[in-house]
Amino acid sequence: MRYLSDEEKPRLLKSAKAIGGKFYLKVLMVLTTGMRKGELEKLCWSDIDFERGLALLQDTKNGTSRHTPIPDVIMGEVKKYREVGSGLLFPSTVNPDKPFDYKKQWANCLKSANIQDFRWHDMRHDTASTLARDGKTLKEIAEVLEHKSLASTDRYTHLCTEHKSQLLNDTMNKAISL
């Protein structure tokens, strides 16, 4: 289980932005929504509700459809690439009905950002951990990630050592006086 440290996340985003284009958008969408790779690869422009800031995921791992909010912080980036119609957000340049494979860009991004042992799927862990560090409940995080059980969500949420230290200090400094 891996998530980005406070030092790694800005480096990853800077590296992804330098690569640019829709690769940067895809990284932003994973980090801010927790969408699965397959969900993003199947996402079409007609699935985006720009007025409400939602993505309709029609064919999810759990076999159900759901609406996933797209945070305001990245909606401007989504709108830069906005297209009309039912084309994929991330189409292949060879066959627009198939998703683009960003393996080469991903490897270059990690290398440039000096990040090791970090898989694409780990960005879902990072989304969950970011939400947990911000005090969101397991139930809330499970809803965002579309987990059926809280046990699954618990495996995704990790608190960094600094956050745990701050958490304990904040609470115990109020509770204990010596």
N, C-alpha and C. Protein backbone atom coordinates (compact mmCIF):
# COMPACT_ATOMS: atom_id res chain seq x y z
N MET A 1 0.85 -1.17 0.00
CA MET A 1 0.00 0.00 0.00
C MET A 1 0.89 1.23 0.00
N ARG A 2 0.66 2.12 -0.93
CA ARG A 2 1.54 3.26 -1.10
C ARG A 2 0.72 4.50 -1.38
N TYR A 3 1.12 5.60 -0.83
CA TYR A 3 0.54 6.89 -1.14
C TYR A 3 1.70 7.87 -1.23
N LEU A 4 1.42 9.06 -1.71
CA LEU A 4 2.47 10.06 -1.91
C LEU A 4 2.75 10.80 -0.62
N SER A 5 4.03 11.07 -0.37
CA SER A 5 4.39 11.91 0.78
C SER A 5 4.09 13.37 0.42
N ASP A 6 4.15 14.23 1.42
CA ASP A 6 3.91 15.65 1.18
C ASP A 6 4.94 16.24 0.23
N GLU A 7 6.10 15.64 0.16
CA GLU A 7 7.15 16.11 -0.76
C GLU A 7 6.96 15.53 -2.16
N GLU A 8 6.45 14.32 -2.25
CA GLU A 8 6.31 13.65 -3.54
C GLU A 8 5.15 14.19 -4.38
N LYS A 9 4.02 14.51 -3.74
CA LYS A 9 2.85 14.92 -4.51
C LYS A 9 3.12 16.14 -5.39
N PRO A 10 3.72 17.22 -4.86
CA PRO A 10 4.00 18.36 -5.75
C PRO A 10 4.98 18.01 -6.87
N ARG A 11 5.93 17.13 -6.58
CA ARG A 11 6.88 16.72 -7.62
C ARG A 11 6.16 15.94 -8.72
N LEU A 12 5.24 15.04 -8.32
CA LEU A 12 4.48 14.27 -9.30
C LEU A 12 3.65 15.20 -10.18
N LEU A 13 2.95 16.14 -9.55
CA LEU A 13 2.10 17.06 -10.31
C LEU A 13 2.92 17.94 -11.24
N LYS A 14 4.07 18.40 -10.77
CA LYS A 14 4.95 19.23 -11.61
C LYS A 14 5.45 18.43 -12.81
N SER A 15 5.84 17.20 -12.58
CA SER A 15 6.32 16.34 -13.65
C SER A 15 5.20 16.02 -14.64
N ALA A 16 4.01 15.73 -14.14
CA ALA A 16 2.86 15.43 -15.01
C ALA A 16 2.48 16.67 -15.83
N LYS A 17 2.55 17.83 -15.21
CA LYS A 17 2.23 19.07 -15.92
C LYS A 17 3.26 19.34 -17.02
N ALA A 18 4.53 19.02 -16.75
CA ALA A 18 5.58 19.20 -17.76
C ALA A 18 5.34 18.28 -18.96
N ILE A 19 4.86 17.08 -18.70
CA ILE A 19 4.52 16.17 -19.81
C ILE A 19 3.31 16.73 -20.53
N GLY A 20 2.37 17.24 -19.75
CA GLY A 20 1.27 18.03 -20.29
C GLY A 20 0.13 17.26 -20.91
N GLY A 21 -0.69 18.03 -21.60
CA GLY A 21 -1.83 17.50 -22.32
C GLY A 21 -2.79 16.72 -21.46
N LYS A 22 -3.40 15.74 -22.07
CA LYS A 22 -4.41 14.95 -21.38
C LYS A 22 -3.79 14.01 -20.34
N PHE A 23 -2.48 13.76 -20.45
CA PHE A 23 -1.83 12.96 -19.41
C PHE A 23 -1.95 13.69 -18.07
N TYR A 24 -1.64 14.96 -18.07
CA TYR A 24 -1.75 15.78 -16.85
C TYR A 24 -3.19 15.75 -16.33
N LEU A 25 -4.15 15.90 -17.23
CA LEU A 25 -5.55 15.87 -16.83
C LEU A 25 -5.90 14.53 -16.20
N LYS A 26 -5.43 13.45 -16.78
CA LYS A 26 -5.75 12.11 -16.24
C LYS A 26 -5.16 11.93 -14.84
N VAL A 27 -3.94 12.38 -14.63
CA VAL A 27 -3.32 12.30 -13.30
C VAL A 27 -4.13 13.13 -12.31
N LEU A 28 -4.49 14.35 -12.69
CA LEU A 28 -5.30 15.19 -11.81
C LEU A 28 -6.62 14.53 -11.45
N MET A 29 -7.26 13.93 -12.43
CA MET A 29 -8.56 13.30 -12.18
C MET A 29 -8.44 12.13 -11.23
N VAL A 30 -7.40 11.33 -11.37
CA VAL A 30 -7.23 10.20 -10.45
C VAL A 30 -6.95 10.71 -9.04
N LEU A 31 -6.04 11.64 -8.91
CA LEU A 31 -5.66 12.13 -7.58
C LEU A 31 -6.79 12.85 -6.85
N THR A 32 -7.69 13.47 -7.60
CA THR A 32 -8.74 14.25 -6.94
C THR A 32 -10.09 13.56 -6.86
N THR A 33 -10.27 12.46 -7.60
CA THR A 33 -11.56 11.76 -7.56
C THR A 33 -11.43 10.33 -7.07
N GLY A 34 -10.23 9.74 -7.19
CA GLY A 34 -10.05 8.34 -6.83
C GLY A 34 -10.63 7.38 -7.84
N MET A 35 -10.94 7.86 -9.05
CA MET A 35 -11.48 6.96 -10.07
C MET A 35 -10.47 5.87 -10.41
N ARG A 36 -10.99 4.71 -10.72
CA ARG A 36 -10.14 3.60 -11.17
C ARG A 36 -9.67 3.87 -12.60
N LYS A 37 -8.55 3.27 -12.96
CA LYS A 37 -7.99 3.42 -14.30
C LYS A 37 -9.01 3.05 -15.37
N GLY A 38 -9.66 1.90 -15.18
CA GLY A 38 -10.65 1.44 -16.15
C GLY A 38 -11.84 2.38 -16.27
N GLU A 39 -12.24 2.99 -15.17
CA GLU A 39 -13.35 3.94 -15.20
C GLU A 39 -12.97 5.17 -16.03
N LEU A 40 -11.76 5.66 -15.82
CA LEU A 40 -11.30 6.82 -16.59
C LEU A 40 -11.14 6.48 -18.07
N GLU A 41 -10.67 5.27 -18.35
CA GLU A 41 -10.46 4.89 -19.74
C GLU A 41 -11.77 4.77 -20.51
N LYS A 42 -12.87 4.46 -19.82
CA LYS A 42 -14.18 4.33 -20.47
C LYS A 42 -14.98 5.63 -20.47
N LEU A 43 -14.48 6.64 -19.77
CA LEU A 43 -15.21 7.89 -19.60
C LEU A 43 -15.29 8.67 -20.92
N CYS A 44 -16.51 9.06 -21.27
CA CYS A 44 -16.76 9.81 -22.51
C CYS A 44 -17.15 11.24 -22.15
N TRP A 45 -16.98 12.13 -23.11
CA TRP A 45 -17.34 13.54 -22.88
C TRP A 45 -18.82 13.68 -22.57
N SER A 46 -19.66 12.84 -23.16
CA SER A 46 -21.09 12.91 -22.89
C SER A 46 -21.43 12.46 -21.46
N ASP A 47 -20.46 11.85 -20.77
CA ASP A 47 -20.66 11.42 -19.38
C ASP A 47 -20.35 12.53 -18.38
N ILE A 48 -19.85 13.65 -18.86
CA ILE A 48 -19.48 14.76 -17.97
C ILE A 48 -20.62 15.76 -17.91
N ASP A 49 -21.09 16.03 -16.70
CA ASP A 49 -22.09 17.07 -16.47
C ASP A 49 -21.33 18.30 -16.01
N PHE A 50 -21.05 19.20 -16.94
CA PHE A 50 -20.24 20.37 -16.65
C PHE A 50 -20.95 21.35 -15.71
N GLU A 51 -22.26 21.39 -15.76
CA GLU A 51 -23.02 22.29 -14.90
C GLU A 51 -22.91 21.88 -13.43
N ARG A 52 -23.01 20.58 -13.17
CA ARG A 52 -23.00 20.08 -11.80
C ARG A 52 -21.63 19.58 -11.35
N GLY A 53 -20.67 19.50 -12.28
CA GLY A 53 -19.33 19.02 -11.93
C GLY A 53 -19.32 17.54 -11.58
N LEU A 54 -19.96 16.73 -12.42
CA LEU A 54 -20.08 15.30 -12.16
C LEU A 54 -19.64 14.49 -13.37
N ALA A 55 -19.13 13.31 -13.08
CA ALA A 55 -18.83 12.33 -14.12
C ALA A 55 -19.73 11.13 -13.88
N LEU A 56 -20.43 10.70 -14.90
CA LEU A 56 -21.27 9.51 -14.80
C LEU A 56 -20.43 8.31 -15.21
N LEU A 57 -20.15 7.44 -14.26
CA LEU A 57 -19.40 6.22 -14.53
C LEU A 57 -20.42 5.12 -14.75
N GLN A 58 -20.51 4.66 -15.99
CA GLN A 58 -21.58 3.75 -16.35
C GLN A 58 -21.23 2.28 -16.17
N ASP A 59 -19.96 1.95 -16.24
CA ASP A 59 -19.56 0.54 -16.18
C ASP A 59 -18.44 0.41 -15.15
N THR A 60 -18.81 0.31 -13.88
CA THR A 60 -17.82 0.28 -12.82
C THR A 60 -17.45 -1.16 -12.45
N LYS A 61 -16.43 -1.29 -11.65
CA LYS A 61 -15.97 -2.61 -11.19
C LYS A 61 -17.08 -3.38 -10.49
N ASN A 62 -17.93 -2.66 -9.76
CA ASN A 62 -19.02 -3.30 -9.02
C ASN A 62 -20.26 -3.54 -9.87
N GLY A 63 -20.19 -3.20 -11.17
CA GLY A 63 -21.30 -3.47 -12.06
C GLY A 63 -22.46 -2.50 -11.96
N THR A 64 -22.24 -1.39 -11.31
CA THR A 64 -23.30 -0.40 -11.17
C THR A 64 -22.81 0.91 -11.79
N SER A 65 -23.74 1.80 -12.03
CA SER A 65 -23.33 3.13 -12.48
C SER A 65 -23.39 4.06 -11.27
N ARG A 66 -22.60 5.12 -11.34
CA ARG A 66 -22.58 6.08 -10.24
C ARG A 66 -22.11 7.43 -10.75
N HIS A 67 -22.44 8.46 -10.01
CA HIS A 67 -21.96 9.80 -10.30
C HIS A 67 -20.76 10.09 -9.39
N THR A 68 -19.68 10.55 -9.98
CA THR A 68 -18.49 10.93 -9.22
C THR A 68 -18.28 12.43 -9.37
N PRO A 69 -18.24 13.15 -8.26
CA PRO A 69 -17.97 14.59 -8.35
C PRO A 69 -16.56 14.86 -8.89
N ILE A 70 -16.46 15.89 -9.70
CA ILE A 70 -15.17 16.37 -10.18
C ILE A 70 -14.91 17.67 -9.41
N PRO A 71 -13.89 17.69 -8.55
CA PRO A 71 -13.64 18.88 -7.73
C PRO A 71 -13.40 20.14 -8.56
N ASP A 72 -13.87 21.25 -8.04
CA ASP A 72 -13.71 22.54 -8.70
C ASP A 72 -12.26 22.83 -9.06
N VAL A 73 -11.34 22.38 -8.20
CA VAL A 73 -9.92 22.68 -8.39
C VAL A 73 -9.40 22.19 -9.74
N ILE A 74 -10.03 21.16 -10.32
CA ILE A 74 -9.55 20.66 -11.62
C ILE A 74 -10.56 20.86 -12.75
N MET A 75 -11.74 21.35 -12.44
CA MET A 75 -12.77 21.48 -13.48
C MET A 75 -12.30 22.41 -14.60
N GLY A 76 -11.54 23.42 -14.29
CA GLY A 76 -11.00 24.31 -15.33
C GLY A 76 -10.12 23.56 -16.30
N GLU A 77 -9.33 22.63 -15.78
CA GLU A 77 -8.45 21.81 -16.62
C GLU A 77 -9.29 20.88 -17.50
N VAL A 78 -10.37 20.32 -16.95
CA VAL A 78 -11.27 19.47 -17.73
C VAL A 78 -11.88 20.27 -18.88
N LYS A 79 -12.30 21.49 -18.57
CA LYS A 79 -12.96 22.34 -19.58
C LYS A 79 -12.02 22.74 -20.71
N LYS A 80 -10.72 22.77 -20.46
CA LYS A 80 -9.76 23.11 -21.51
C LYS A 80 -9.82 22.13 -22.67
N TYR A 81 -10.19 20.89 -22.38
CA TYR A 81 -10.20 19.84 -23.39
C TYR A 81 -11.61 19.45 -23.82
N ARG A 82 -12.59 20.18 -23.32
CA ARG A 82 -13.99 19.83 -23.55
C ARG A 82 -14.29 19.60 -25.02
N GLU A 83 -14.99 18.51 -25.26
CA GLU A 83 -15.45 18.16 -26.61
C GLU A 83 -16.94 17.87 -26.56
N VAL A 84 -17.58 18.01 -27.70
CA VAL A 84 -19.00 17.68 -27.82
C VAL A 84 -19.08 16.27 -28.40
N GLY A 85 -20.03 15.50 -27.91
CA GLY A 85 -20.22 14.16 -28.44
C GLY A 85 -19.88 13.09 -27.42
N SER A 86 -19.79 11.87 -27.93
CA SER A 86 -19.61 10.73 -27.03
C SER A 86 -18.22 10.12 -27.13
N GLY A 87 -17.25 10.89 -27.62
CA GLY A 87 -15.89 10.38 -27.71
C GLY A 87 -15.27 10.21 -26.34
N LEU A 88 -14.27 9.35 -26.25
CA LEU A 88 -13.54 9.12 -25.00
C LEU A 88 -12.78 10.36 -24.58
N LEU A 89 -12.65 10.58 -23.28
CA LEU A 89 -11.82 11.68 -22.78
C LEU A 89 -10.36 11.45 -23.12
N PHE A 90 -9.94 10.20 -23.09
CA PHE A 90 -8.53 9.86 -23.30
C PHE A 90 -8.39 8.83 -24.42
N PRO A 91 -8.70 9.24 -25.67
CA PRO A 91 -8.69 8.27 -26.78
C PRO A 91 -7.29 7.99 -27.31
N SER A 92 -7.14 6.82 -27.87
CA SER A 92 -5.91 6.45 -28.57
C SER A 92 -5.78 7.30 -29.82
N THR A 93 -4.57 7.62 -30.19
CA THR A 93 -4.35 8.37 -31.43
C THR A 93 -4.51 7.46 -32.65
N VAL A 94 -4.40 6.17 -32.45
CA VAL A 94 -4.53 5.19 -33.54
C VAL A 94 -5.99 4.81 -33.75
N ASN A 95 -6.69 4.51 -32.65
CA ASN A 95 -8.09 4.11 -32.71
C ASN A 95 -8.85 4.90 -31.64
N PRO A 96 -9.60 5.93 -32.04
CA PRO A 96 -10.28 6.79 -31.06
C PRO A 96 -11.35 6.08 -30.23
N ASP A 97 -11.71 4.85 -30.60
CA ASP A 97 -12.66 4.07 -29.81
C ASP A 97 -11.98 3.32 -28.67
N LYS A 98 -10.67 3.34 -28.64
CA LYS A 98 -9.88 2.67 -27.60
C LYS A 98 -9.17 3.74 -26.77
N PRO A 99 -8.93 3.45 -25.48
CA PRO A 99 -8.23 4.44 -24.65
C PRO A 99 -6.74 4.51 -24.97
N PHE A 100 -6.16 5.68 -24.75
CA PHE A 100 -4.72 5.87 -24.92
C PHE A 100 -3.99 5.21 -23.76
N ASP A 101 -2.90 4.56 -24.06
CA ASP A 101 -2.10 3.90 -23.03
C ASP A 101 -0.95 4.84 -22.65
N TYR A 102 -0.99 5.36 -21.44
CA TYR A 102 -0.01 6.34 -20.98
C TYR A 102 1.17 5.71 -20.25
N LYS A 103 1.47 4.44 -20.50
CA LYS A 103 2.55 3.76 -19.77
C LYS A 103 3.89 4.49 -19.89
N LYS A 104 4.23 4.90 -21.09
CA LYS A 104 5.51 5.58 -21.31
C LYS A 104 5.54 6.91 -20.56
N GLN A 105 4.46 7.69 -20.66
CA GLN A 105 4.39 8.98 -19.97
C GLN A 105 4.45 8.78 -18.46
N TRP A 106 3.78 7.73 -17.96
CA TRP A 106 3.76 7.45 -16.53
C TRP A 106 5.17 7.13 -16.04
N ALA A 107 5.87 6.29 -16.76
CA ALA A 107 7.25 5.94 -16.38
C ALA A 107 8.13 7.18 -16.39
N ASN A 108 7.99 8.02 -17.42
CA ASN A 108 8.78 9.25 -17.50
C ASN A 108 8.42 10.22 -16.38
N CYS A 109 7.16 10.27 -16.04
CA CYS A 109 6.68 11.16 -14.97
C CYS A 109 7.31 10.76 -13.63
N LEU A 110 7.26 9.47 -13.32
CA LEU A 110 7.82 8.99 -12.06
C LEU A 110 9.32 9.21 -12.02
N LYS A 111 9.98 8.97 -13.12
CA LYS A 111 11.43 9.16 -13.17
C LYS A 111 11.78 10.63 -12.97
N SER A 112 11.12 11.51 -13.67
CA SER A 112 11.36 12.94 -13.56
C SER A 112 11.07 13.46 -12.15
N ALA A 113 10.04 12.90 -11.51
CA ALA A 113 9.65 13.33 -10.16
C ALA A 113 10.47 12.63 -9.07
N ASN A 114 11.33 11.71 -9.49
CA ASN A 114 12.14 10.93 -8.55
C ASN A 114 11.26 10.21 -7.52
N ILE A 115 10.27 9.49 -8.04
CA ILE A 115 9.35 8.72 -7.20
C ILE A 115 9.49 7.25 -7.58
N GLN A 116 9.72 6.42 -6.58
CA GLN A 116 9.90 5.00 -6.84
C GLN A 116 8.81 4.17 -6.17
N ASP A 117 8.63 2.97 -6.70
CA ASP A 117 7.66 2.01 -6.14
C ASP A 117 6.28 2.62 -5.99
N PHE A 118 5.82 3.28 -7.03
CA PHE A 118 4.51 3.91 -7.02
C PHE A 118 3.80 3.54 -8.32
N ARG A 119 2.68 2.83 -8.17
CA ARG A 119 1.90 2.38 -9.32
C ARG A 119 0.74 3.35 -9.57
N TRP A 120 0.20 3.28 -10.79
CA TRP A 120 -0.94 4.12 -11.13
C TRP A 120 -2.07 3.94 -10.11
N HIS A 121 -2.35 2.71 -9.76
CA HIS A 121 -3.44 2.41 -8.82
C HIS A 121 -3.19 3.04 -7.44
N ASP A 122 -1.93 3.26 -7.10
CA ASP A 122 -1.61 3.85 -5.79
C ASP A 122 -2.19 5.25 -5.64
N MET A 123 -2.52 5.89 -6.76
CA MET A 123 -3.14 7.22 -6.65
C MET A 123 -4.50 7.13 -6.00
N ARG A 124 -5.19 6.00 -6.12
CA ARG A 124 -6.46 5.81 -5.38
C ARG A 124 -6.19 5.77 -3.88
N HIS A 125 -5.09 5.11 -3.50
CA HIS A 125 -4.70 5.09 -2.09
C HIS A 125 -4.40 6.51 -1.62
N ASP A 126 -3.75 7.28 -2.48
CA ASP A 126 -3.42 8.65 -2.11
C ASP A 126 -4.68 9.49 -1.92
N THR A 127 -5.65 9.32 -2.79
CA THR A 127 -6.92 10.04 -2.64
C THR A 127 -7.56 9.70 -1.30
N ALA A 128 -7.63 8.42 -0.98
CA ALA A 128 -8.22 7.98 0.29
C ALA A 128 -7.45 8.53 1.48
N SER A 129 -6.14 8.48 1.41
CA SER A 129 -5.31 8.96 2.52
C SER A 129 -5.43 10.47 2.68
N THR A 130 -5.52 11.19 1.58
CA THR A 130 -5.70 12.65 1.64
C THR A 130 -7.02 12.98 2.31
N LEU A 131 -8.07 12.25 1.95
CA LEU A 131 -9.38 12.48 2.57
C LEU A 131 -9.34 12.13 4.06
N ALA A 132 -8.67 11.03 4.41
CA ALA A 132 -8.58 10.63 5.82
C ALA A 132 -7.81 11.66 6.63
N ARG A 133 -6.72 12.18 6.08
CA ARG A 133 -5.93 13.19 6.80
C ARG A 133 -6.73 14.47 7.00
N ASP A 134 -7.72 14.68 6.14
CA ASP A 134 -8.55 15.87 6.27
C ASP A 134 -9.75 15.61 7.18
N GLY A 135 -9.79 14.43 7.81
CA GLY A 135 -10.82 14.16 8.79
C GLY A 135 -12.10 13.55 8.24
N LYS A 136 -12.10 13.13 6.99
CA LYS A 136 -13.30 12.51 6.44
C LYS A 136 -13.47 11.11 7.02
N THR A 137 -14.70 10.67 7.18
CA THR A 137 -14.98 9.37 7.78
C THR A 137 -14.74 8.25 6.77
N LEU A 138 -14.58 7.03 7.30
CA LEU A 138 -14.43 5.87 6.42
C LEU A 138 -15.64 5.72 5.51
N LYS A 139 -16.84 5.98 6.03
CA LYS A 139 -18.06 5.88 5.24
C LYS A 139 -18.02 6.88 4.08
N GLU A 140 -17.60 8.10 4.35
CA GLU A 140 -17.52 9.11 3.29
C GLU A 140 -16.50 8.71 2.23
N ILE A 141 -15.35 8.23 2.68
CA ILE A 141 -14.30 7.82 1.75
C ILE A 141 -14.75 6.61 0.93
N ALA A 142 -15.46 5.68 1.58
CA ALA A 142 -15.98 4.51 0.87
C ALA A 142 -16.94 4.93 -0.24
N GLU A 143 -17.76 5.93 0.03
CA GLU A 143 -18.69 6.44 -0.98
C GLU A 143 -17.93 7.03 -2.17
N VAL A 144 -16.89 7.79 -1.90
CA VAL A 144 -16.10 8.40 -2.98
C VAL A 144 -15.44 7.32 -3.83
N LEU A 145 -14.87 6.31 -3.18
CA LEU A 145 -14.12 5.27 -3.89
C LEU A 145 -15.01 4.14 -4.41
N GLU A 146 -16.29 4.17 -4.04
CA GLU A 146 -17.25 3.12 -4.39
C GLU A 146 -16.83 1.77 -3.84
N HIS A 147 -16.52 1.74 -2.58
CA HIS A 147 -16.24 0.48 -1.90
C HIS A 147 -17.52 -0.03 -1.27
N LYS A 148 -17.75 -1.31 -1.39
CA LYS A 148 -18.95 -1.92 -0.80
C LYS A 148 -18.77 -2.12 0.71
N SER A 149 -17.52 -2.31 1.14
CA SER A 149 -17.30 -2.53 2.57
C SER A 149 -16.29 -1.53 3.12
N LEU A 150 -16.46 -1.19 4.39
CA LEU A 150 -15.53 -0.27 5.04
C LEU A 150 -14.16 -0.92 5.24
N ALA A 151 -14.12 -2.26 5.26
CA ALA A 151 -12.84 -2.96 5.38
C ALA A 151 -11.97 -2.67 4.16
N SER A 152 -12.57 -2.60 2.99
CA SER A 152 -11.82 -2.25 1.77
C SER A 152 -11.27 -0.84 1.89
N THR A 153 -12.11 0.06 2.34
CA THR A 153 -11.69 1.46 2.48
C THR A 153 -10.58 1.59 3.50
N ASP A 154 -10.67 0.84 4.58
CA ASP A 154 -9.65 0.91 5.62
C ASP A 154 -8.27 0.54 5.07
N ARG A 155 -8.23 -0.39 4.12
CA ARG A 155 -6.95 -0.78 3.51
C ARG A 155 -6.38 0.34 2.65
N TYR A 156 -7.24 1.25 2.19
CA TYR A 156 -6.81 2.34 1.32
C TYR A 156 -6.36 3.58 2.07
N THR A 157 -6.80 3.74 3.29
CA THR A 157 -6.51 4.97 4.02
C THR A 157 -5.26 4.79 4.87
N HIS A 158 -4.34 5.69 4.69
CA HIS A 158 -3.08 5.66 5.43
C HIS A 158 -2.79 7.08 5.92
N LEU A 159 -2.42 7.16 7.16
CA LEU A 159 -2.05 8.46 7.69
C LEU A 159 -0.54 8.52 7.82
N CYS A 160 0.04 9.59 7.31
CA CYS A 160 1.49 9.72 7.40
C CYS A 160 1.88 9.96 8.85
N THR A 161 3.12 9.67 9.16
CA THR A 161 3.62 9.79 10.53
C THR A 161 3.44 11.21 11.06
N GLU A 162 3.72 12.20 10.23
CA GLU A 162 3.58 13.60 10.67
C GLU A 162 2.14 13.91 11.04
N HIS A 163 1.21 13.39 10.26
CA HIS A 163 -0.20 13.64 10.56
C HIS A 163 -0.60 12.96 11.86
N LYS A 164 -0.14 11.72 12.07
CA LYS A 164 -0.46 11.02 13.32
C LYS A 164 0.14 11.76 14.51
N SER A 165 1.34 12.28 14.36
CA SER A 165 1.97 13.05 15.44
C SER A 165 1.14 14.29 15.75
N GLN A 166 0.73 15.02 14.71
CA GLN A 166 -0.07 16.22 14.89
C GLN A 166 -1.41 15.89 15.54
N LEU A 167 -2.02 14.80 15.09
CA LEU A 167 -3.29 14.35 15.63
C LEU A 167 -3.18 14.08 17.14
N LEU A 168 -2.17 13.30 17.51
CA LEU A 168 -1.97 12.99 18.93
C LEU A 168 -1.63 14.24 19.74
N ASN A 169 -0.74 15.06 19.21
CA ASN A 169 -0.37 16.28 19.93
C ASN A 169 -1.57 17.20 20.15
N ASP A 170 -2.35 17.43 19.11
CA ASP A 170 -3.52 18.30 19.23
C ASP A 170 -4.48 17.81 20.30
N THR A 171 -4.76 16.53 20.30
CA THR A 171 -5.74 15.98 21.24
C THR A 171 -5.16 15.84 22.64
N MET A 172 -3.98 15.26 22.75
CA MET A 172 -3.41 14.97 24.06
C MET A 172 -2.95 16.23 24.80
N ASN A 173 -2.53 17.24 24.08
CA ASN A 173 -2.15 18.50 24.73
C ASN A 173 -3.33 19.16 25.40
N LYS A 174 -4.53 18.90 24.88
CA LYS A 174 -5.76 19.41 25.50
C LYS A 174 -6.21 18.52 26.65
N ALA A 175 -5.99 17.21 26.52
CA ALA A 175 -6.52 16.24 27.48
C ALA A 175 -5.64 16.04 28.69
N ILE A 176 -4.34 16.22 28.53
CA ILE A 176 -3.40 15.94 29.61
C ILE A 176 -2.64 17.21 29.98
N SER A 177 -2.65 17.53 31.24
CA SER A 177 -1.82 18.66 31.67
C SER A 177 -0.92 18.18 32.79
N LEU A 178 0.35 18.41 32.64
CA LEU A 178 1.34 17.96 33.63
C LEU A 178 1.87 19.15 34.42
